[in-house]
Each structure stands twice: as C-alpha cells, then as structure tokens.
C-alpha cells in the first residue's frame, strides 16, 4: 500500500520563511521533507521490525546487567575477604 502525499515545495519554503526561517534553512528542510516523502517502501521500518529490534535490545540489556551484577558481586566479595583477613 502506497501513501502518496503531494505538496507545493515553493509554498512550504514561503511558509517557513514567513515563520522566521532563513532562506537556506527553509530550502534545506523542504528538501529533506521531499526526500523522506520519496523513500521507497523497502527502506521503511514496520512496527514488527521495531518490535523485533526492541526485543533483541532487551535481551542484550539483560545480558549486560547480569554480567555487571556478577562482576560487582565478585568485587564486593573480594573486598569483604580482604577486609576480614586484615582484622
């Protein structure tokens, strides 16, 4: 399914200038908007793509947190043993 949006780039530049944008800023924003509008569907991300990526990131985060917990626990236990040996 393709959603095509047409707009008058000259009118957009004019509106941006009237809102306080400089000429170059208005033209750059209009160009970026036009390029985004022309993006091919295969380059767009779906909700399912985002859900999968988010699930992968959650797994990675849990791995890092578990590793840091183990490292912190080992450091704490080592410090406790060193303290107890000193007394």
Protein backbone atom coordinates (compact mmCIF):
# COMPACT_ATOMS: atom_id res chain seq x y z
CA UNK A 1 0.00 0.00 0.00
CA UNK A 2 1.42 3.32 -1.01
CA UNK A 3 0.53 6.58 0.61
CA UNK A 4 1.36 9.44 -1.71
CA UNK A 5 1.37 12.97 -0.40
CA UNK A 6 1.82 15.86 -2.78
CA UNK A 7 2.65 19.35 -1.68
CA UNK A 8 3.84 22.61 -3.13
CA UNK A 9 7.53 22.93 -2.22
CA UNK A 10 7.54 26.63 -3.08
CA UNK A 11 4.62 27.21 -0.73
CA UNK A 12 6.39 25.28 2.03
CA UNK A 13 9.58 27.35 1.62
CA UNK A 14 7.48 30.52 1.67
CA UNK A 15 5.61 29.42 4.81
CA UNK A 16 8.87 28.56 6.58
CA UNK A 17 10.39 31.92 5.64
CA UNK A 18 7.28 33.69 6.90
CA UNK A 19 7.66 31.76 10.18
CA UNK A 20 11.21 33.09 10.63
CA UNK A 21 13.40 30.55 8.88
CA UNK A 22 16.24 31.83 6.77
CA UNK A 23 16.05 31.04 3.03
CA UNK A 24 18.73 28.30 3.20
CA UNK A 25 17.11 26.71 6.26
CA UNK A 26 13.68 26.68 4.63
CA UNK A 27 15.07 25.16 1.42
CA UNK A 28 17.05 22.51 3.32
CA UNK A 29 14.04 21.48 5.40
CA UNK A 30 11.85 21.33 2.30
CA UNK A 31 14.41 19.16 0.51
CA UNK A 32 14.68 16.81 3.48
CA UNK A 33 10.89 16.53 3.65
CA UNK A 34 10.68 15.80 -0.08
CA UNK A 35 13.36 13.10 0.16
CA UNK A 36 11.58 11.49 3.10
CA UNK A 37 8.36 11.54 1.10
CA UNK A 38 10.08 9.78 -1.79
CA UNK A 39 11.52 7.00 0.42
CA UNK A 40 10.97 3.56 -1.02
CA UNK A 41 8.78 1.16 0.99
CA UNK A 42 11.61 -1.35 1.36
CA UNK A 43 13.62 1.29 3.23
CA UNK A 44 10.85 1.96 5.74
CA UNK A 45 10.58 0.26 9.11
CA UNK A 46 7.44 -1.56 10.18
CA UNK A 47 6.09 -1.91 13.69
CA UNK A 48 7.05 -5.58 13.62
CA UNK A 49 10.65 -4.67 12.68
CA UNK A 50 10.76 -2.29 15.64
CA UNK A 51 9.25 -4.89 17.99
CA UNK A 52 11.87 -7.47 16.99
CA UNK A 53 14.71 -4.99 17.37
CA UNK A 54 13.39 -3.87 20.74
CA UNK A 55 13.23 -7.49 21.92
CA UNK A 56 16.84 -8.01 20.82
CA UNK A 57 17.93 -4.88 22.68
CA UNK A 58 16.14 -6.04 25.83
CA UNK A 59 17.99 -9.37 25.71
CA UNK A 60 21.31 -7.55 25.25
CA UNK A 61 20.49 -5.24 28.17
CA UNK A 62 19.67 -8.17 30.45
CA UNK A 63 22.95 -9.86 29.49
CA UNK A 64 24.93 -6.71 30.30
CA UNK A 65 23.11 -6.20 33.58
CA UNK A 66 23.67 -9.81 34.62
CA UNK A 67 27.36 -9.54 33.76
CA UNK A 68 27.72 -6.31 35.71
CA UNK A 69 25.87 -7.85 38.68
CA UNK A 70 28.24 -10.82 38.70
CA UNK A 71 31.30 -8.58 38.40
CA UNK A 72 30.07 -6.26 41.15
CA UNK A 73 29.26 -9.20 43.43
CA UNK A 74 32.72 -10.70 42.86
CA UNK A 75 34.33 -7.35 43.65
CA UNK A 76 32.27 -6.95 46.82
CA UNK A 77 33.05 -10.50 48.00
CA UNK A 78 36.74 -9.94 47.29
CA UNK A 79 36.71 -6.69 49.26
CA UNK A 80 34.94 -8.40 52.17
CA UNK A 81 37.51 -11.23 52.26
CA UNK A 82 40.36 -8.72 52.13
CA UNK A 83 38.77 -6.75 54.98
CA UNK A 84 38.21 -9.88 57.10
CA UNK A 85 41.80 -11.09 56.58
CA UNK A 86 43.09 -7.73 57.72
CA UNK A 87 41.21 -7.89 61.03
